[in-house]
Amino acid sequence: MAFLAGCADEAKTSDYYKAHLDEAKARVAECKKMEKMNETQQRDCSNANEAVLFQRDKNNKFYQSSPEAFEWK
């Protein structure tokens, strides 16, 4: 059933991912591997990425990049 994790009807919020940072990091890792995303997946990936970046900024506001963060192209 793990293959359905990214196919939920609704994207999780950035607040949800901020409260579940390990899940956010795992989701960002999945997003990096995806070649195509629908609108819901894009929103979910963006929210997970925002949580990872928020945690980075919270820990060290001078840190320039995060290896867990998704680079949008």
PDB file of N, CA and C in Angstrom:
ATOM      1  N   MET A   1       0.802  -1.196   0.000  1.00  0.00           N
ATOM      2  CA  MET A   1       0.000   0.000   0.000  1.00  0.00           C
ATOM      3  C   MET A   1       0.849   1.266   0.000  1.00  0.00           C
ATOM      4  N   ALA A   2       2.132   1.172   0.251  1.00  0.00           N
ATOM      5  CA  ALA A   2       2.997   2.344   0.303  1.00  0.00           C
ATOM      6  C   ALA A   2       2.997   3.106  -1.019  1.00  0.00           C
ATOM      7  N   PHE A   3       2.762   2.425  -2.114  1.00  0.00           N
ATOM      8  CA  PHE A   3       2.779   3.087  -3.405  1.00  0.00           C
ATOM      9  C   PHE A   3       1.628   4.070  -3.564  1.00  0.00           C
ATOM     10  N   LEU A   4       0.629   3.999  -2.729  1.00  0.00           N
ATOM     11  CA  LEU A   4      -0.500   4.915  -2.799  1.00  0.00           C
ATOM     12  C   LEU A   4      -0.307   6.162  -1.945  1.00  0.00           C
ATOM     13  N   ALA A   5       0.774   6.226  -1.205  1.00  0.00           N
ATOM     14  CA  ALA A   5       0.979   7.321  -0.257  1.00  0.00           C
ATOM     15  C   ALA A   5       0.937   8.687  -0.921  1.00  0.00           C
ATOM     16  N   GLY A   6       1.440   8.811  -2.124  1.00  0.00           N
ATOM     17  CA  GLY A   6       1.460  10.098  -2.789  1.00  0.00           C
ATOM     18  C   GLY A   6       0.226  10.380  -3.618  1.00  0.00           C
ATOM     19  N   CYS A   7      -0.751   9.508  -3.583  1.00  0.00           N
ATOM     20  CA  CYS A   7      -1.923   9.644  -4.438  1.00  0.00           C
ATOM     21  C   CYS A   7      -3.175  10.032  -3.662  1.00  0.00           C
ATOM     22  N   ALA A   8      -3.027  10.632  -2.519  1.00  0.00           N
ATOM     23  CA  ALA A   8      -4.173  11.023  -1.713  1.00  0.00           C
ATOM     24  C   ALA A   8      -4.987  12.072  -2.458  1.00  0.00           C
ATOM     25  N   ASP A   9      -6.274  12.166  -2.115  1.00  0.00           N
ATOM     26  CA  ASP A   9      -7.155  13.129  -2.758  1.00  0.00           C
ATOM     27  C   ASP A   9      -6.818  14.564  -2.376  1.00  0.00           C
ATOM     28  N   GLU A  10      -6.275  14.765  -1.191  1.00  0.00           N
ATOM     29  CA  GLU A  10      -5.937  16.106  -0.736  1.00  0.00           C
ATOM     30  C   GLU A  10      -4.483  16.163  -0.290  1.00  0.00           C
ATOM     31  N   ALA A  11      -3.855  17.288  -0.571  1.00  0.00           N
ATOM     32  CA  ALA A  11      -2.476  17.494  -0.121  1.00  0.00           C
ATOM     33  C   ALA A  11      -2.478  17.775   1.376  1.00  0.00           C
ATOM     34  N   LYS A  12      -1.459  17.298   2.053  1.00  0.00           N
ATOM     35  CA  LYS A  12      -1.291  17.624   3.465  1.00  0.00           C
ATOM     36  C   LYS A  12      -0.778  19.057   3.557  1.00  0.00           C
ATOM     37  N   THR A  13      -1.116  19.727   4.630  1.00  0.00           N
ATOM     38  CA  THR A  13      -0.726  21.126   4.790  1.00  0.00           C
ATOM     39  C   THR A  13       0.722  21.248   5.249  1.00  0.00           C
ATOM     40  N   SER A  14       1.282  22.430   5.065  1.00  0.00           N
ATOM     41  CA  SER A  14       2.638  22.663   5.557  1.00  0.00           C
ATOM     42  C   SER A  14       2.665  22.579   7.081  1.00  0.00           C
ATOM     43  N   ASP A  15       1.589  22.988   7.744  1.00  0.00           N
ATOM     44  CA  ASP A  15       1.523  22.861   9.209  1.00  0.00           C
ATOM     45  C   ASP A  15       1.569  21.396   9.637  1.00  0.00           C
ATOM     46  N   TYR A  16       0.874  20.533   8.880  1.00  0.00           N
ATOM     47  CA  TYR A  16       0.924  19.099   9.176  1.00  0.00           C
ATOM     48  C   TYR A  16       2.365  18.609   9.056  1.00  0.00           C
ATOM     49  N   TYR A  17       3.012  18.952   7.955  1.00  0.00           N
ATOM     50  CA  TYR A  17       4.383  18.495   7.742  1.00  0.00           C
ATOM     51  C   TYR A  17       5.356  19.096   8.755  1.00  0.00           C
ATOM     52  N   LYS A  18       5.112  20.326   9.202  1.00  0.00           N
ATOM     53  CA  LYS A  18       5.965  20.929  10.233  1.00  0.00           C
ATOM     54  C   LYS A  18       5.874  20.137  11.532  1.00  0.00           C
ATOM     55  N   ALA A  19       4.703  19.566  11.798  1.00  0.00           N
ATOM     56  CA  ALA A  19       4.509  18.753  13.001  1.00  0.00           C
ATOM     57  C   ALA A  19       5.006  17.325  12.811  1.00  0.00           C
ATOM     58  N   HIS A  20       5.247  16.920  11.560  1.00  0.00           N
ATOM     59  CA  HIS A  20       5.700  15.564  11.224  1.00  0.00           C
ATOM     60  C   HIS A  20       6.892  15.673  10.275  1.00  0.00           C
ATOM     61  N   LEU A  21       7.987  16.209  10.790  1.00  0.00           N
ATOM     62  CA  LEU A  21       9.138  16.552   9.953  1.00  0.00           C
ATOM     63  C   LEU A  21       9.767  15.343   9.260  1.00  0.00           C
ATOM     64  N   ASP A  22       9.830  14.205   9.930  1.00  0.00           N
ATOM     65  CA  ASP A  22      10.393  13.014   9.278  1.00  0.00           C
ATOM     66  C   ASP A  22       9.561  12.618   8.065  1.00  0.00           C
ATOM     67  N   GLU A  23       8.243  12.726   8.186  1.00  0.00           N
ATOM     68  CA  GLU A  23       7.365  12.425   7.059  1.00  0.00           C
ATOM     69  C   GLU A  23       7.569  13.445   5.933  1.00  0.00           C
ATOM     70  N   ALA A  24       7.778  14.701   6.299  1.00  0.00           N
ATOM     71  CA  ALA A  24       8.030  15.741   5.295  1.00  0.00           C
ATOM     72  C   ALA A  24       9.308  15.443   4.520  1.00  0.00           C
ATOM     73  N   LYS A  25      10.357  15.069   5.237  1.00  0.00           N
ATOM     74  CA  LYS A  25      11.628  14.748   4.574  1.00  0.00           C
ATOM     75  C   LYS A  25      11.473  13.550   3.647  1.00  0.00           C
ATOM     76  N   ALA A  26      10.729  12.547   4.091  1.00  0.00           N
ATOM     77  CA  ALA A  26      10.497  11.363   3.256  1.00  0.00           C
ATOM     78  C   ALA A  26       9.692  11.737   2.018  1.00  0.00           C
ATOM     79  N   ARG A  27       8.708  12.607   2.189  1.00  0.00           N
ATOM     80  CA  ARG A  27       7.881  13.020   1.060  1.00  0.00           C
ATOM     81  C   ARG A  27       8.705  13.819   0.049  1.00  0.00           C
ATOM     82  N   VAL A  28       9.559  14.702   0.533  1.00  0.00           N
ATOM     83  CA  VAL A  28      10.421  15.478  -0.368  1.00  0.00           C
ATOM     84  C   VAL A  28      11.332  14.538  -1.152  1.00  0.00           C
ATOM     85  N   ALA A  29      11.854  13.513  -0.494  1.00  0.00           N
ATOM     86  CA  ALA A  29      12.698  12.532  -1.187  1.00  0.00           C
ATOM     87  C   ALA A  29      11.910  11.840  -2.294  1.00  0.00           C
ATOM     88  N   GLU A  30      10.638  11.499  -2.024  1.00  0.00           N
ATOM     89  CA  GLU A  30       9.782  10.897  -3.055  1.00  0.00           C
ATOM     90  C   GLU A  30       9.551  11.888  -4.194  1.00  0.00           C
ATOM     91  N   CYS A  31       9.300  13.126  -3.841  1.00  0.00           N
ATOM     92  CA  CYS A  31       9.014  14.156  -4.847  1.00  0.00           C
ATOM     93  C   CYS A  31      10.196  14.363  -5.791  1.00  0.00           C
ATOM     94  N   LYS A  32      11.397  14.289  -5.250  1.00  0.00           N
ATOM     95  CA  LYS A  32      12.597  14.454  -6.075  1.00  0.00           C
ATOM     96  C   LYS A  32      12.676  13.391  -7.163  1.00  0.00           C
ATOM     97  N   LYS A  33      12.110  12.222  -6.911  1.00  0.00           N
ATOM     98  CA  LYS A  33      12.178  11.109  -7.859  1.00  0.00           C
ATOM     99  C   LYS A  33      11.065  11.155  -8.902  1.00  0.00           C
ATOM    100  N   MET A  34      10.037  11.952  -8.658  1.00  0.00           N
ATOM    101  CA  MET A  34       8.882  11.989  -9.554  1.00  0.00           C
ATOM    102  C   MET A  34       9.190  12.815 -10.797  1.00  0.00           C
ATOM    103  N   GLU A  35       8.867  12.267 -11.951  1.00  0.00           N
ATOM    104  CA  GLU A  35       9.071  13.000 -13.194  1.00  0.00           C
ATOM    105  C   GLU A  35       7.871  13.870 -13.529  1.00  0.00           C
ATOM    106  N   LYS A  36       6.673  13.395 -13.185  1.00  0.00           N
ATOM    107  CA  LYS A  36       5.445  14.144 -13.445  1.00  0.00           C
ATOM    108  C   LYS A  36       4.608  14.145 -12.179  1.00  0.00           C
ATOM    109  N   MET A  37       3.921  15.261 -11.952  1.00  0.00           N
ATOM    110  CA  MET A  37       3.050  15.388 -10.787  1.00  0.00           C
ATOM    111  C   MET A  37       1.743  16.031 -11.216  1.00  0.00           C
ATOM    112  N   ASN A  38       0.658  15.581 -10.582  1.00  0.00           N
ATOM    113  CA  ASN A  38      -0.595  16.292 -10.788  1.00  0.00           C
ATOM    114  C   ASN A  38      -0.636  17.478  -9.828  1.00  0.00           C
ATOM    115  N   GLU A  39      -1.682  18.268  -9.891  1.00  0.00           N
ATOM    116  CA  GLU A  39      -1.765  19.488  -9.078  1.00  0.00           C
ATOM    117  C   GLU A  39      -1.724  19.188  -7.575  1.00  0.00           C
ATOM    118  N   THR A  40      -2.414  18.144  -7.158  1.00  0.00           N
ATOM    119  CA  THR A  40      -2.432  17.778  -5.738  1.00  0.00           C
ATOM    120  C   THR A  40      -1.055  17.330  -5.275  1.00  0.00           C
ATOM    121  N   GLN A  41      -0.378  16.546  -6.083  1.00  0.00           N
ATOM    122  CA  GLN A  41       0.971  16.100  -5.739  1.00  0.00           C
ATOM    123  C   GLN A  41       1.930  17.281  -5.671  1.00  0.00           C
ATOM    124  N   GLN A  42       1.806  18.230  -6.593  1.00  0.00           N
ATOM    125  CA  GLN A  42       2.655  19.420  -6.564  1.00  0.00           C
ATOM    126  C   GLN A  42       2.445  20.202  -5.273  1.00  0.00           C
ATOM    127  N   ARG A  43       1.181  20.367  -4.886  1.00  0.00           N
ATOM    128  CA  ARG A  43       0.865  21.097  -3.660  1.00  0.00           C
ATOM    129  C   ARG A  43       1.407  20.356  -2.442  1.00  0.00           C
ATOM    130  N   ASP A  44       1.262  19.025  -2.425  1.00  0.00           N
ATOM    131  CA  ASP A  44       1.758  18.218  -1.313  1.00  0.00           C
ATOM    132  C   ASP A  44       3.281  18.310  -1.219  1.00  0.00           C
ATOM    133  N   CYS A  45       3.948  18.197  -2.355  1.00  0.00           N
ATOM    134  CA  CYS A  45       5.413  18.299  -2.375  1.00  0.00           C
ATOM    135  C   CYS A  45       5.864  19.681  -1.930  1.00  0.00           C
ATOM    136  N   SER A  46       5.170  20.698  -2.384  1.00  0.00           N
ATOM    137  CA  SER A  46       5.503  22.061  -1.993  1.00  0.00           C
ATOM    138  C   SER A  46       5.328  22.264  -0.490  1.00  0.00           C
ATOM    139  N   ASN A  47       4.255  21.731   0.071  1.00  0.00           N
ATOM    140  CA  ASN A  47       4.013  21.863   1.509  1.00  0.00           C
ATOM    141  C   ASN A  47       5.052  21.105   2.323  1.00  0.00           C
ATOM    142  N   ALA A  48       5.430  19.925   1.868  1.00  0.00           N
ATOM    143  CA  ALA A  48       6.471  19.160   2.562  1.00  0.00           C
ATOM    144  C   ALA A  48       7.799  19.906   2.495  1.00  0.00           C
ATOM    145  N   ASN A  49       8.111  20.442   1.324  1.00  0.00           N
ATOM    146  CA  ASN A  49       9.349  21.193   1.145  1.00  0.00           C
ATOM    147  C   ASN A  49       9.367  22.437   2.028  1.00  0.00           C
ATOM    148  N   GLU A  50       8.240  23.118   2.106  1.00  0.00           N
ATOM    149  CA  GLU A  50       8.147  24.310   2.955  1.00  0.00           C
ATOM    150  C   GLU A  50       8.449  23.963   4.411  1.00  0.00           C
ATOM    151  N   ALA A  51       7.943  22.830   4.873  1.00  0.00           N
ATOM    152  CA  ALA A  51       8.192  22.407   6.259  1.00  0.00           C
ATOM    153  C   ALA A  51       9.673  22.122   6.488  1.00  0.00           C
ATOM    154  N   VAL A  52      10.316  21.480   5.515  1.00  0.00           N
ATOM    155  CA  VAL A  52      11.749  21.189   5.634  1.00  0.00           C
ATOM    156  C   VAL A  52      12.541  22.494   5.667  1.00  0.00           C
ATOM    157  N   LEU A  53      12.191  23.417   4.785  1.00  0.00           N
ATOM    158  CA  LEU A  53      12.881  24.706   4.754  1.00  0.00           C
ATOM    159  C   LEU A  53      12.613  25.511   6.019  1.00  0.00           C
ATOM    160  N   PHE A  54      11.400  25.452   6.534  1.00  0.00           N
ATOM    161  CA  PHE A  54      11.052  26.143   7.776  1.00  0.00           C
ATOM    162  C   PHE A  54      11.900  25.623   8.922  1.00  0.00           C
ATOM    163  N   GLN A  55      12.056  24.310   8.996  1.00  0.00           N
ATOM    164  CA  GLN A  55      12.863  23.716  10.063  1.00  0.00           C
ATOM    165  C   GLN A  55      14.313  24.160   9.934  1.00  0.00           C
ATOM    166  N   ARG A  56      14.808  24.203   8.706  1.00  0.00           N
ATOM    167  CA  ARG A  56      16.173  24.666   8.465  1.00  0.00           C
ATOM    168  C   ARG A  56      16.338  26.095   8.959  1.00  0.00           C
ATOM    169  N   ASP A  57      15.405  26.966   8.579  1.00  0.00           N
ATOM    170  CA  ASP A  57      15.483  28.368   8.983  1.00  0.00           C
ATOM    171  C   ASP A  57      15.329  28.524  10.488  1.00  0.00           C
ATOM    172  N   LYS A  58      14.494  27.705  11.065  1.00  0.00           N
ATOM    173  CA  LYS A  58      14.265  27.755  12.507  1.00  0.00           C
ATOM    174  C   LYS A  58      15.539  27.387  13.266  1.00  0.00           C
ATOM    175  N   ASN A  59      16.274  26.414  12.729  1.00  0.00           N
ATOM    176  CA  ASN A  59      17.493  25.951  13.391  1.00  0.00           C
ATOM    177  C   ASN A  59      18.681  26.872  13.158  1.00  0.00           C
ATOM    178  N   ASN A  60      18.762  27.460  11.981  1.00  0.00           N
ATOM    179  CA  ASN A  60      19.926  28.287  11.652  1.00  0.00           C
ATOM    180  C   ASN A  60      19.543  29.237  10.526  1.00  0.00           C
ATOM    181  N   LYS A  61      19.210  30.457  10.863  1.00  0.00           N
ATOM    182  CA  LYS A  61      18.726  31.391   9.853  1.00  0.00           C
ATOM    183  C   LYS A  61      19.785  31.784   8.831  1.00  0.00           C
ATOM    184  N   PHE A  62      21.057  31.482   9.098  1.00  0.00           N
ATOM    185  CA  PHE A  62      22.116  31.836   8.162  1.00  0.00           C
ATOM    186  C   PHE A  62      22.501  30.683   7.235  1.00  0.00           C
ATOM    187  N   TYR A  63      21.913  29.538   7.426  1.00  0.00           N
ATOM    188  CA  TYR A  63      22.201  28.370   6.591  1.00  0.00           C
ATOM    189  C   TYR A  63      21.637  28.603   5.193  1.00  0.00           C
ATOM    190  N   GLN A  64      22.424  28.363   4.152  1.00  0.00           N
ATOM    191  CA  GLN A  64      22.033  28.724   2.799  1.00  0.00           C
ATOM    192  C   GLN A  64      21.236  27.666   2.054  1.00  0.00           C
ATOM    193  N   SER A  65      21.433  26.403   2.349  1.00  0.00           N
ATOM    194  CA  SER A  65      20.704  25.367   1.626  1.00  0.00           C
ATOM    195  C   SER A  65      20.507  24.154   2.515  1.00  0.00           C
ATOM    196  N   SER A  66      19.590  23.318   2.108  1.00  0.00           N
ATOM    197  CA  SER A  66      19.292  22.107   2.859  1.00  0.00           C
ATOM    198  C   SER A  66      19.352  20.919   1.914  1.00  0.00           C
ATOM    199  N   PRO A  67      20.108  19.880   2.246  1.00  0.00           N
ATOM    200  CA  PRO A  67      20.175  18.720   1.355  1.00  0.00           C
ATOM    201  C   PRO A  67      18.834  18.014   1.219  1.00  0.00           C
ATOM    202  N   GLU A  68      17.923  18.205   2.191  1.00  0.00           N
ATOM    203  CA  GLU A  68      16.614  17.577   2.103  1.00  0.00           C
ATOM    204  C   GLU A  68      15.639  18.388   1.259  1.00  0.00           C
ATOM    205  N   ALA A  69      15.970  19.642   0.985  1.00  0.00           N
ATOM    206  CA  ALA A  69      15.045  20.519   0.275  1.00  0.00           C
ATOM    207  C   ALA A  69      14.992  20.180  -1.208  1.00  0.00           C
ATOM    208  N   PHE A  70      13.826  20.323  -1.751  1.00  0.00           N
ATOM    209  CA  PHE A  70      13.578  20.056  -3.157  1.00  0.00           C
ATOM    210  C   PHE A  70      13.926  21.298  -3.958  1.00  0.00           C
ATOM    211  N   GLU A  71      14.687  21.140  -5.008  1.00  0.00           N
ATOM    212  CA  GLU A  71      15.030  22.266  -5.863  1.00  0.00           C
ATOM    213  C   GLU A  71      14.068  22.292  -7.041  1.00  0.00           C
ATOM    214  N   TRP A  72      13.217  23.300  -7.092  1.00  0.00           N
ATOM    215  CA  TRP A  72      12.251  23.429  -8.179  1.00  0.00           C
ATOM    216  C   TRP A  72      12.965  23.896  -9.436  1.00  0.00           C
ATOM    217  N   LYS A  73      12.631  23.280 -10.541  1.00  0.00           N
ATOM    218  CA  LYS A  73      13.272  23.624 -11.818  1.00  0.00           C
ATOM    219  C   LYS A  73      12.255  24.164 -12.782  1.00  0.00           C
TER     220      LYS A  73
END
